[in-house]
Amino acid sequence: MKYALVTGGSRGIGRAISLRLASMGYPILVNYVSNTAEAENTLRQIRELGSDGELIRFDVSDQEAVASALNGWHEQHPDDYIAVCINNAGIRKDNLMIWMESAEWAGVLNTHLNGFFQVTQPLLKNMLVKRFGRIINIVSLSGIKGMPGQVNYSAAKGGLIAATKALSQEIARKGVTVNAVAPGFIRTEMLDGLNEAELKKLVPMGRFGEAEEVADLVAFLASEKASYITGEVISINGGLYT
């Protein structure tokens, strides 16, 4: 059976992606770190859609925790494999670089870049053997344009974009695609504290995006219909181009 893993899948964009992939028939592995109640709520909604899933708890930046969780899952599912990997887990620790502390720099890069490697690398062998896989990395406008106050976040997302392009070339012949989705301003908890009225003025469409709109794009890239698309970074930002 083909499963889909969504890191940071319990809330926001991750939840919307989990539900959308569930509607396509995938059983979902909902990864989360601390908010068990929200993760259980997401799993309940997945089951209401007629699909199924499991909660899989680990911090993507913790290599031992990732390995333990994924190895444990594979031992319990010897005849199944994770065919779709959505690297969505992320954190922000915004600060001007002159005042940025090393922990703010390292924490963001560890989550986004090390997390990508630690989650994705163990899944590649099965995808290549089965000759089908979808790896979709959730990046950001910040990784394309660069945003002041987000040198750490921009560096992490920019690195993830480069990794997307490199990995896509390594495994394309085996039917495994690697793409990135770059949201602009999407209405989630990640935007809490930002001035929506002012930021909307920057967006030609005059509004923030919805998590479900991002999920629809991810679902297309995860489908058979996107089999000839790889190494791409697709922006979803209401026309907020750089």
C-alpha atoms as a PDB file:
ATOM      1  CA  MET A   1       0.000   0.000   0.000  1.00  0.00           C
ATOM      2  CA  LYS A   2       1.238   3.490  -0.834  1.00  0.00           C
ATOM      3  CA  TYR A   3       1.238   5.925   2.086  1.00  0.00           C
ATOM      4  CA  ALA A   4       1.729   9.698   2.180  1.00  0.00           C
ATOM      5  CA  LEU A   5       3.831  11.299   4.926  1.00  0.00           C
ATOM      6  CA  VAL A   6       3.167  14.944   5.748  1.00  0.00           C
ATOM      7  CA  THR A   7       5.644  16.505   8.159  1.00  0.00           C
ATOM      8  CA  GLY A   8       4.093  19.206  10.276  1.00  0.00           C
ATOM      9  CA  GLY A   9       0.815  17.692   9.150  1.00  0.00           C
ATOM     10  CA  SER A  10      -1.420  18.498  12.091  1.00  0.00           C
ATOM     11  CA  ARG A  11      -2.167  22.182  11.484  1.00  0.00           C
ATOM     12  CA  GLY A  12      -2.283  24.929   8.879  1.00  0.00           C
ATOM     13  CA  ILE A  13      -0.982  24.072   5.423  1.00  0.00           C
ATOM     14  CA  GLY A  14       0.086  20.637   6.646  1.00  0.00           C
ATOM     15  CA  ARG A  15      -3.431  19.759   7.764  1.00  0.00           C
ATOM     16  CA  ALA A  16      -4.936  20.978   4.499  1.00  0.00           C
ATOM     17  CA  ILE A  17      -2.452  18.845   2.547  1.00  0.00           C
ATOM     18  CA  SER A  18      -3.146  15.814   4.735  1.00  0.00           C
ATOM     19  CA  LEU A  19      -6.879  16.108   4.117  1.00  0.00           C
ATOM     20  CA  ARG A  20      -6.486  16.703   0.395  1.00  0.00           C
ATOM     21  CA  LEU A  21      -4.212  13.679  -0.082  1.00  0.00           C
ATOM     22  CA  ALA A  22      -6.615  11.618   2.017  1.00  0.00           C
ATOM     23  CA  SER A  23      -9.400  12.584  -0.385  1.00  0.00           C
ATOM     24  CA  MET A  24      -7.255  11.055  -3.161  1.00  0.00           C
ATOM     25  CA  GLY A  25      -7.260   7.755  -1.297  1.00  0.00           C
ATOM     26  CA  TYR A  26      -3.874   7.884   0.378  1.00  0.00           C
ATOM     27  CA  PRO A  27      -3.585   6.707   3.959  1.00  0.00           C
ATOM     28  CA  ILE A  28      -1.786   9.555   5.727  1.00  0.00           C
ATOM     29  CA  LEU A  29       1.064   9.565   8.209  1.00  0.00           C
ATOM     30  CA  VAL A  30       0.490  12.780  10.139  1.00  0.00           C
ATOM     31  CA  ASN A  31       3.774  13.931  11.628  1.00  0.00           C
ATOM     32  CA  TYR A  32       3.752  16.329  14.554  1.00  0.00           C
ATOM     33  CA  VAL A  33       5.994  17.312  17.472  1.00  0.00           C
ATOM     34  CA  SER A  34       3.976  18.460  20.467  1.00  0.00           C
ATOM     35  CA  ASN A  35       0.308  19.275  19.870  1.00  0.00           C
ATOM     36  CA  THR A  36      -1.293  15.860  20.197  1.00  0.00           C
ATOM     37  CA  ALA A  37      -4.822  17.266  20.335  1.00  0.00           C
ATOM     38  CA  GLU A  38      -4.483  18.979  16.950  1.00  0.00           C
ATOM     39  CA  ALA A  39      -2.850  15.892  15.434  1.00  0.00           C
ATOM     40  CA  GLU A  40      -5.702  13.705  16.665  1.00  0.00           C
ATOM     41  CA  ASN A  41      -8.183  16.226  15.266  1.00  0.00           C
ATOM     42  CA  THR A  42      -6.507  16.010  11.855  1.00  0.00           C
ATOM     43  CA  LEU A  43      -6.581  12.210  11.957  1.00  0.00           C
ATOM     44  CA  ARG A  44     -10.266  12.300  12.856  1.00  0.00           C
ATOM     45  CA  GLN A  45     -10.989  14.516   9.828  1.00  0.00           C
ATOM     46  CA  ILE A  46      -8.984  12.156   7.605  1.00  0.00           C
ATOM     47  CA  ARG A  47     -11.156   9.253   8.728  1.00  0.00           C
ATOM     48  CA  GLU A  48     -14.301  11.281   8.161  1.00  0.00           C
ATOM     49  CA  LEU A  49     -13.217  11.546   4.512  1.00  0.00           C
ATOM     50  CA  GLY A  50     -13.232   7.766   4.285  1.00  0.00           C
ATOM     51  CA  SER A  51      -9.475   7.327   4.344  1.00  0.00           C
ATOM     52  CA  ASP A  52      -7.254   6.301   7.231  1.00  0.00           C
ATOM     53  CA  GLY A  53      -3.946   7.199   8.730  1.00  0.00           C
ATOM     54  CA  GLU A  54      -1.625   7.182  11.693  1.00  0.00           C
ATOM     55  CA  LEU A  55       0.081   9.720  13.892  1.00  0.00           C
ATOM     56  CA  ILE A  56       3.869   9.634  13.761  1.00  0.00           C
ATOM     57  CA  ARG A  57       5.557  11.851  16.304  1.00  0.00           C
ATOM     58  CA  PHE A  58       9.082  13.190  15.845  1.00  0.00           C
ATOM     59  CA  ASP A  59      11.013  16.422  15.455  1.00  0.00           C
ATOM     60  CA  VAL A  60      12.395  16.517  11.909  1.00  0.00           C
ATOM     61  CA  SER A  61      15.558  18.222  13.180  1.00  0.00           C
ATOM     62  CA  ASP A  62      16.344  15.299  15.517  1.00  0.00           C
ATOM     63  CA  GLN A  63      18.104  12.663  13.417  1.00  0.00           C
ATOM     64  CA  GLU A  64      17.787   9.864  15.964  1.00  0.00           C
ATOM     65  CA  ALA A  65      14.093  10.552  16.529  1.00  0.00           C
ATOM     66  CA  VAL A  66      13.384  10.562  12.786  1.00  0.00           C
ATOM     67  CA  ALA A  67      15.283   7.322  12.218  1.00  0.00           C
ATOM     68  CA  SER A  68      13.599   5.607  15.150  1.00  0.00           C
ATOM     69  CA  ALA A  69      10.101   6.623  14.036  1.00  0.00           C
ATOM     70  CA  LEU A  70      10.555   5.702  10.376  1.00  0.00           C
ATOM     71  CA  ASN A  71      12.333   2.426  11.117  1.00  0.00           C
ATOM     72  CA  GLY A  72       9.601   1.509  13.579  1.00  0.00           C
ATOM     73  CA  TRP A  73       6.905   2.247  11.027  1.00  0.00           C
ATOM     74  CA  HIS A  74       8.615   0.183   8.325  1.00  0.00           C
ATOM     75  CA  GLU A  75       8.967  -2.775  10.700  1.00  0.00           C
ATOM     76  CA  GLN A  76       5.218  -2.650  11.335  1.00  0.00           C
ATOM     77  CA  HIS A  77       4.413  -2.250   7.611  1.00  0.00           C
ATOM     78  CA  PRO A  78       6.801  -4.576   5.756  1.00  0.00           C
ATOM     79  CA  ASP A  79       4.567  -4.752   2.677  1.00  0.00           C
ATOM     80  CA  ASP A  80       3.822  -1.016   2.442  1.00  0.00           C
ATOM     81  CA  TYR A  81       5.917   2.019   1.586  1.00  0.00           C
ATOM     82  CA  ILE A  82       5.810   5.788   1.793  1.00  0.00           C
ATOM     83  CA  ALA A  83       5.291   6.865  -1.810  1.00  0.00           C
ATOM     84  CA  VAL A  84       4.549  10.542  -1.170  1.00  0.00           C
ATOM     85  CA  CYS A  85       6.702  12.670   1.100  1.00  0.00           C
ATOM     86  CA  ILE A  86       5.608  16.228   1.862  1.00  0.00           C
ATOM     87  CA  ASN A  87       8.349  18.149   3.642  1.00  0.00           C
ATOM     88  CA  ASN A  88       6.202  20.807   5.247  1.00  0.00           C
ATOM     89  CA  ALA A  89       7.469  21.082   8.833  1.00  0.00           C
ATOM     90  CA  GLY A  90       8.931  24.498   9.507  1.00  0.00           C
ATOM     91  CA  ILE A  91       9.655  27.163  12.060  1.00  0.00           C
ATOM     92  CA  ARG A  92      10.381  30.880  11.962  1.00  0.00           C
ATOM     93  CA  LYS A  93      12.729  32.740  14.269  1.00  0.00           C
ATOM     94  CA  ASP A  94      12.767  36.163  12.640  1.00  0.00           C
ATOM     95  CA  ASN A  95      15.363  38.726  13.592  1.00  0.00           C
ATOM     96  CA  LEU A  96      17.688  41.201  11.943  1.00  0.00           C
ATOM     97  CA  MET A  97      20.999  39.465  11.371  1.00  0.00           C
ATOM     98  CA  ILE A  98      22.918  42.014  13.435  1.00  0.00           C
ATOM     99  CA  TRP A  99      20.951  40.823  16.482  1.00  0.00           C
ATOM    100  CA  MET A 100      20.408  37.221  15.448  1.00  0.00           C
ATOM    101  CA  GLU A 101      21.598  34.638  17.926  1.00  0.00           C
ATOM    102  CA  SER A 102      23.317  31.467  16.789  1.00  0.00           C
ATOM    103  CA  ALA A 103      20.424  29.383  18.155  1.00  0.00           C
ATOM    104  CA  GLU A 104      17.986  31.305  15.928  1.00  0.00           C
ATOM    105  CA  TRP A 105      20.171  30.607  12.908  1.00  0.00           C
ATOM    106  CA  ALA A 106      20.850  26.954  13.697  1.00  0.00           C
ATOM    107  CA  GLY A 107      17.299  26.125  14.755  1.00  0.00           C
ATOM    108  CA  VAL A 108      15.771  27.268  11.475  1.00  0.00           C
ATOM    109  CA  LEU A 109      18.409  25.618   9.272  1.00  0.00           C
ATOM    110  CA  ASN A 110      18.279  22.381  11.254  1.00  0.00           C
ATOM    111  CA  THR A 111      14.511  22.125  10.890  1.00  0.00           C
ATOM    112  CA  HIS A 112      14.287  22.980   7.207  1.00  0.00           C
ATOM    113  CA  LEU A 113      17.491  21.615   5.685  1.00  0.00           C
ATOM    114  CA  ASN A 114      18.605  18.851   8.023  1.00  0.00           C
ATOM    115  CA  GLY A 115      14.970  17.898   8.441  1.00  0.00           C
ATOM    116  CA  PHE A 116      14.563  17.530   4.686  1.00  0.00           C
ATOM    117  CA  PHE A 117      17.587  15.224   4.474  1.00  0.00           C
ATOM    118  CA  GLN A 118      16.769  13.181   7.554  1.00  0.00           C
ATOM    119  CA  VAL A 119      13.178  12.505   6.502  1.00  0.00           C
ATOM    120  CA  THR A 120      13.637  12.080   2.754  1.00  0.00           C
ATOM    121  CA  GLN A 121      16.851  10.082   2.458  1.00  0.00           C
ATOM    122  CA  PRO A 122      15.550   6.925   4.194  1.00  0.00           C
ATOM    123  CA  LEU A 123      12.476   6.888   1.925  1.00  0.00           C
ATOM    124  CA  LEU A 124      14.324   7.034  -1.381  1.00  0.00           C
ATOM    125  CA  LYS A 125      15.276   3.359  -1.730  1.00  0.00           C
ATOM    126  CA  ASN A 126      11.676   2.114  -1.683  1.00  0.00           C
ATOM    127  CA  MET A 127      10.559   4.836  -4.071  1.00  0.00           C
ATOM    128  CA  LEU A 128      13.321   3.930  -6.523  1.00  0.00           C
ATOM    129  CA  VAL A 129      12.693   0.191  -6.274  1.00  0.00           C
ATOM    130  CA  LYS A 130       8.954   0.689  -6.783  1.00  0.00           C
ATOM    131  CA  ARG A 131       9.660   3.204  -9.569  1.00  0.00           C
ATOM    132  CA  PHE A 132       7.147   5.657  -8.176  1.00  0.00           C
ATOM    133  CA  GLY A 133       7.563   8.467  -5.706  1.00  0.00           C
ATOM    134  CA  ARG A 134       6.584  12.047  -5.093  1.00  0.00           C
ATOM    135  CA  ILE A 135       8.718  14.361  -2.969  1.00  0.00           C
ATOM    136  CA  ILE A 136       7.231  17.816  -2.507  1.00  0.00           C
ATOM    137  CA  ASN A 137       9.036  20.450  -0.474  1.00  0.00           C
ATOM    138  CA  ILE A 138       7.119  23.402   0.911  1.00  0.00           C
ATOM    139  CA  VAL A 139       9.416  26.375   0.508  1.00  0.00           C
ATOM    140  CA  SER A 140       8.552  30.078   0.512  1.00  0.00           C
ATOM    141  CA  LEU A 141       8.589  33.378  -1.287  1.00  0.00           C
ATOM    142  CA  SER A 142      11.322  34.183   1.245  1.00  0.00           C
ATOM    143  CA  GLY A 143      13.569  31.528  -0.276  1.00  0.00           C
ATOM    144  CA  ILE A 144      13.163  33.011  -3.761  1.00  0.00           C
ATOM    145  CA  LYS A 145      13.201  36.730  -3.051  1.00  0.00           C
ATOM    146  CA  GLY A 146      14.949  36.968   0.300  1.00  0.00           C
ATOM    147  CA  MET A 147      13.164  38.854   3.061  1.00  0.00           C
ATOM    148  CA  PRO A 148      14.707  41.310   5.529  1.00  0.00           C
ATOM    149  CA  GLY A 149      14.520  40.005   9.066  1.00  0.00           C
ATOM    150  CA  GLN A 150      14.522  36.451   7.735  1.00  0.00           C
ATOM    151  CA  VAL A 151      18.124  35.793   6.737  1.00  0.00           C
ATOM    152  CA  ASN A 152      17.971  32.414   8.464  1.00  0.00           C
ATOM    153  CA  TYR A 153      14.586  31.474   6.962  1.00  0.00           C
ATOM    154  CA  SER A 154      15.552  32.726   3.489  1.00  0.00           C
ATOM    155  CA  ALA A 155      18.820  30.789   3.627  1.00  0.00           C
ATOM    156  CA  ALA A 156      17.031  27.607   4.702  1.00  0.00           C
ATOM    157  CA  LYS A 157      14.319  27.829   2.067  1.00  0.00           C
ATOM    158  CA  GLY A 158      16.804  28.867  -0.620  1.00  0.00           C
ATOM    159  CA  GLY A 159      18.910  25.844   0.240  1.00  0.00           C
ATOM    160  CA  LEU A 160      15.872  23.614   0.060  1.00  0.00           C
ATOM    161  CA  ILE A 161      15.064  24.966  -3.393  1.00  0.00           C
ATOM    162  CA  ALA A 162      18.582  24.108  -4.575  1.00  0.00           C
ATOM    163  CA  ALA A 163      18.321  20.644  -3.008  1.00  0.00           C
ATOM    164  CA  THR A 164      15.015  20.116  -4.812  1.00  0.00           C
ATOM    165  CA  LYS A 165      16.609  20.823  -8.175  1.00  0.00           C
ATOM    166  CA  ALA A 166      19.661  18.654  -7.505  1.00  0.00           C
ATOM    167  CA  LEU A 167      17.793  15.626  -6.148  1.00  0.00           C
ATOM    168  CA  SER A 168      15.275  15.748  -8.982  1.00  0.00           C
ATOM    169  CA  GLN A 169      18.081  15.120 -11.469  1.00  0.00           C
ATOM    170  CA  GLU A 170      19.477  12.195  -9.489  1.00  0.00           C
ATOM    171  CA  ILE A 171      16.273  10.154  -9.450  1.00  0.00           C
ATOM    172  CA  ALA A 172      14.187  11.279 -12.439  1.00  0.00           C
ATOM    173  CA  ARG A 173      14.848   8.127 -14.470  1.00  0.00           C
ATOM    174  CA  LYS A 174      13.244   6.000 -11.767  1.00  0.00           C
ATOM    175  CA  GLY A 175       9.877   7.728 -11.939  1.00  0.00           C
ATOM    176  CA  VAL A 176      10.397   9.705  -8.745  1.00  0.00           C
ATOM    177  CA  THR A 177       9.719  13.429  -8.968  1.00  0.00           C
ATOM    178  CA  VAL A 178      10.929  16.190  -6.680  1.00  0.00           C
ATOM    179  CA  ASN A 179       9.266  19.581  -6.712  1.00  0.00           C
ATOM    180  CA  ALA A 180       8.892  22.599  -4.477  1.00  0.00           C
ATOM    181  CA  VAL A 181       5.855  24.735  -3.755  1.00  0.00           C
ATOM    182  CA  ALA A 182       6.529  28.314  -2.701  1.00  0.00           C
ATOM    183  CA  PRO A 183       3.572  29.940  -0.938  1.00  0.00           C
ATOM    184  CA  GLY A 184       3.304  33.656  -0.447  1.00  0.00           C
ATOM    185  CA  PHE A 185       1.053  35.001   2.280  1.00  0.00           C
ATOM    186  CA  ILE A 186      -1.205  32.101   3.289  1.00  0.00           C
ATOM    187  CA  ARG A 187      -3.684  32.526   6.116  1.00  0.00           C
ATOM    188  CA  THR A 188      -2.229  30.279   8.847  1.00  0.00           C
ATOM    189  CA  GLU A 189      -0.789  30.598  12.336  1.00  0.00           C
ATOM    190  CA  MET A 190       2.608  31.310  10.760  1.00  0.00           C
ATOM    191  CA  LEU A 191       1.312  34.784   9.878  1.00  0.00           C
ATOM    192  CA  ASP A 192       0.136  35.591  13.383  1.00  0.00           C
ATOM    193  CA  GLY A 193       1.437  38.981  14.437  1.00  0.00           C
ATOM    194  CA  LEU A 194       1.838  40.315  10.896  1.00  0.00           C
ATOM    195  CA  ASN A 195      -0.163  43.277   9.621  1.00  0.00           C
ATOM    196  CA  GLU A 196      -2.583  41.660   7.172  1.00  0.00           C
ATOM    197  CA  ALA A 197      -4.160  44.931   6.023  1.00  0.00           C
ATOM    198  CA  GLU A 198      -0.782  46.350   4.976  1.00  0.00           C
ATOM    199  CA  LEU A 199       0.590  43.124   3.508  1.00  0.00           C
ATOM    200  CA  LYS A 200      -2.488  42.574   1.336  1.00  0.00           C
ATOM    201  CA  LYS A 201      -1.644  45.828  -0.441  1.00  0.00           C
ATOM    202  CA  LEU A 202       1.486  44.112  -1.792  1.00  0.00           C
ATOM    203  CA  VAL A 203      -0.499  41.280  -3.371  1.00  0.00           C
ATOM    204  CA  PRO A 204      -2.010  42.002  -6.818  1.00  0.00           C
ATOM    205  CA  MET A 205      -5.010  39.817  -5.963  1.00  0.00           C
ATOM    206  CA  GLY A 206      -5.560  41.878  -2.831  1.00  0.00           C
ATOM    207  CA  ARG A 207      -5.944  38.957  -0.446  1.00  0.00           C
ATOM    208  CA  PHE A 208      -4.090  36.260   1.436  1.00  0.00           C
ATOM    209  CA  GLY A 209      -4.202  32.736   0.098  1.00  0.00           C
ATOM    210  CA  GLU A 210      -5.905  29.834   1.829  1.00  0.00           C
ATOM    211  CA  ALA A 211      -4.206  26.641   2.956  1.00  0.00           C
ATOM    212  CA  GLU A 212      -6.613  24.615   0.827  1.00  0.00           C
ATOM    213  CA  GLU A 213      -5.363  26.370  -2.306  1.00  0.00           C
ATOM    214  CA  VAL A 214      -1.825  25.282  -1.530  1.00  0.00           C
ATOM    215  CA  ALA A 215      -3.082  21.766  -0.835  1.00  0.00           C
ATOM    216  CA  ASP A 216      -4.745  21.562  -4.249  1.00  0.00           C
ATOM    217  CA  LEU A 217      -1.433  22.390  -5.951  1.00  0.00           C
ATOM    218  CA  VAL A 218       0.426  19.829  -3.841  1.00  0.00           C
ATOM    219  CA  ALA A 219      -2.216  17.219  -4.662  1.00  0.00           C
ATOM    220  CA  PHE A 220      -1.703  17.759  -8.381  1.00  0.00           C
ATOM    221  CA  LEU A 221       2.067  17.372  -8.047  1.00  0.00           C
ATOM    222  CA  ALA A 222       1.496  14.170  -6.045  1.00  0.00           C
ATOM    223  CA  SER A 223      -0.758  12.711  -8.726  1.00  0.00           C
ATOM    224  CA  GLU A 224      -0.003  10.569 -11.768  1.00  0.00           C
ATOM    225  CA  LYS A 225      -0.898  13.556 -13.929  1.00  0.00           C
ATOM    226  CA  ALA A 226       2.266  15.370 -12.820  1.00  0.00           C
ATOM    227  CA  SER A 227       4.615  12.564 -13.856  1.00  0.00           C
ATOM    228  CA  TYR A 228       6.579  14.788 -16.290  1.00  0.00           C
ATOM    229  CA  ILE A 229       7.076  17.660 -13.857  1.00  0.00           C
ATOM    230  CA  THR A 230      10.215  17.558 -11.727  1.00  0.00           C
ATOM    231  CA  GLY A 231      12.807  19.984 -10.404  1.00  0.00           C
ATOM    232  CA  GLU A 232      10.304  22.826 -10.461  1.00  0.00           C
ATOM    233  CA  VAL A 233       9.589  25.566  -7.935  1.00  0.00           C
ATOM    234  CA  ILE A 234       5.973  26.640  -8.301  1.00  0.00           C
ATOM    235  CA  SER A 235       4.903  29.859  -6.631  1.00  0.00           C
ATOM    236  CA  ILE A 236       1.401  30.291  -5.239  1.00  0.00           C
ATOM    237  CA  ASN A 237       1.243  33.878  -4.109  1.00  0.00           C
ATOM    238  CA  GLY A 238      -1.572  35.824  -5.771  1.00  0.00           C
ATOM    239  CA  GLY A 239       0.786  37.497  -8.226  1.00  0.00           C
ATOM    240  CA  LEU A 240       3.363  38.642  -5.661  1.00  0.00           C
ATOM    241  CA  TYR A 241       6.307  38.016  -7.942  1.00  0.00           C
ATOM    242  CA  THR A 242       9.878  39.100  -7.385  1.00  0.00           C
END
